[in-house]
Amino acid sequence: MPQLDTSMWFITIVSSMITLLILFQLKISSQTFPAAPSPKIVATEKTSNPWELKWTKIYSPLSLPQQ
């Protein structure tokens, strides 16, 4: 039974992988992608709330007197 000559397999596989890599790189580099979206500057308006003008105390339910 004759032996299978595998001496060229490594070179064949490596060259095929390099060729595929080059082809994929060329395919991807020819694609045009949309530009990155630019951030939109939004002007925030300061709204005056009545509780911001005076000091308020927030009571914890545990600190309230027992009923």
Protein backbone atom coordinates (compact mmCIF):
# COMPACT_ATOMS: atom_id res chain seq x y z
CA MET A 1 0.00 0.00 0.00
CA PRO A 2 1.59 3.32 -1.05
CA GLN A 3 2.33 6.02 1.51
CA LEU A 4 0.48 9.29 1.29
CA ASP A 5 2.92 12.12 0.68
CA THR A 6 2.12 14.83 3.26
CA SER A 7 5.25 16.92 2.83
CA MET A 8 3.45 19.66 0.90
CA TRP A 9 0.37 19.86 3.14
CA PHE A 10 1.81 22.45 5.51
CA ILE A 11 2.82 24.80 2.69
CA THR A 12 -0.53 24.31 0.96
CA ILE A 13 -2.56 25.04 4.09
CA VAL A 14 -0.46 28.06 5.10
CA SER A 15 -0.54 29.58 1.63
CA SER A 16 -4.30 29.04 1.42
CA MET A 17 -4.81 30.78 4.76
CA ILE A 18 -2.62 33.72 3.72
CA THR A 19 -4.50 34.01 0.44
CA LEU A 20 -7.85 33.99 2.24
CA LEU A 21 -6.60 36.59 4.71
CA ILE A 22 -5.50 38.87 1.89
CA LEU A 23 -8.79 38.42 0.05
CA PHE A 24 -10.85 39.20 3.15
CA GLN A 25 -8.71 42.25 3.88
CA LEU A 26 -9.21 43.54 0.36
CA LYS A 27 -12.94 42.85 0.54
CA ILE A 28 -13.33 44.65 3.86
CA SER A 29 -11.13 47.60 2.88
CA SER A 30 -13.25 48.26 -0.21
CA GLN A 31 -16.40 48.65 1.92
CA THR A 32 -17.60 52.15 2.78
CA PHE A 33 -18.97 52.62 6.25
CA PRO A 34 -21.06 55.56 7.46
CA ALA A 35 -19.24 58.17 9.49
CA ALA A 36 -19.49 58.10 13.24
CA PRO A 37 -22.41 60.19 14.51
CA SER A 38 -21.38 63.54 15.90
CA PRO A 39 -22.58 64.37 19.41
CA LYS A 40 -25.55 66.69 19.51
CA ILE A 41 -25.14 69.64 21.84
CA VAL A 42 -28.29 70.10 23.87
CA ALA A 43 -28.75 73.25 25.89
CA THR A 44 -30.07 72.36 29.32
CA GLU A 45 -32.39 74.86 30.88
CA LYS A 46 -32.22 75.48 34.60
CA THR A 47 -35.73 75.25 36.02
CA SER A 48 -36.37 76.87 39.33
CA ASN A 49 -38.23 74.66 41.75
CA PRO A 50 -39.79 76.13 44.89
CA TRP A 51 -37.99 73.59 47.09
CA GLU A 52 -34.62 74.70 45.80
CA LEU A 53 -35.03 78.16 47.26
CA LYS A 54 -35.57 77.08 50.85
CA TRP A 55 -34.12 74.46 53.14
CA THR A 56 -36.24 71.41 53.59
CA LYS A 57 -35.77 68.52 55.95
CA ILE A 58 -36.39 65.00 54.79
CA TYR A 59 -37.63 62.78 57.58
CA SER A 60 -36.71 59.17 57.68
CA PRO A 61 -39.70 56.93 58.53
CA LEU A 62 -37.70 55.42 61.38
CA SER A 63 -37.06 58.81 63.02
CA LEU A 64 -40.73 59.81 63.10
CA PRO A 65 -42.50 59.51 66.47
CA GLN A 66 -44.40 56.31 67.08
CA GLN A 67 -48.14 56.51 66.58
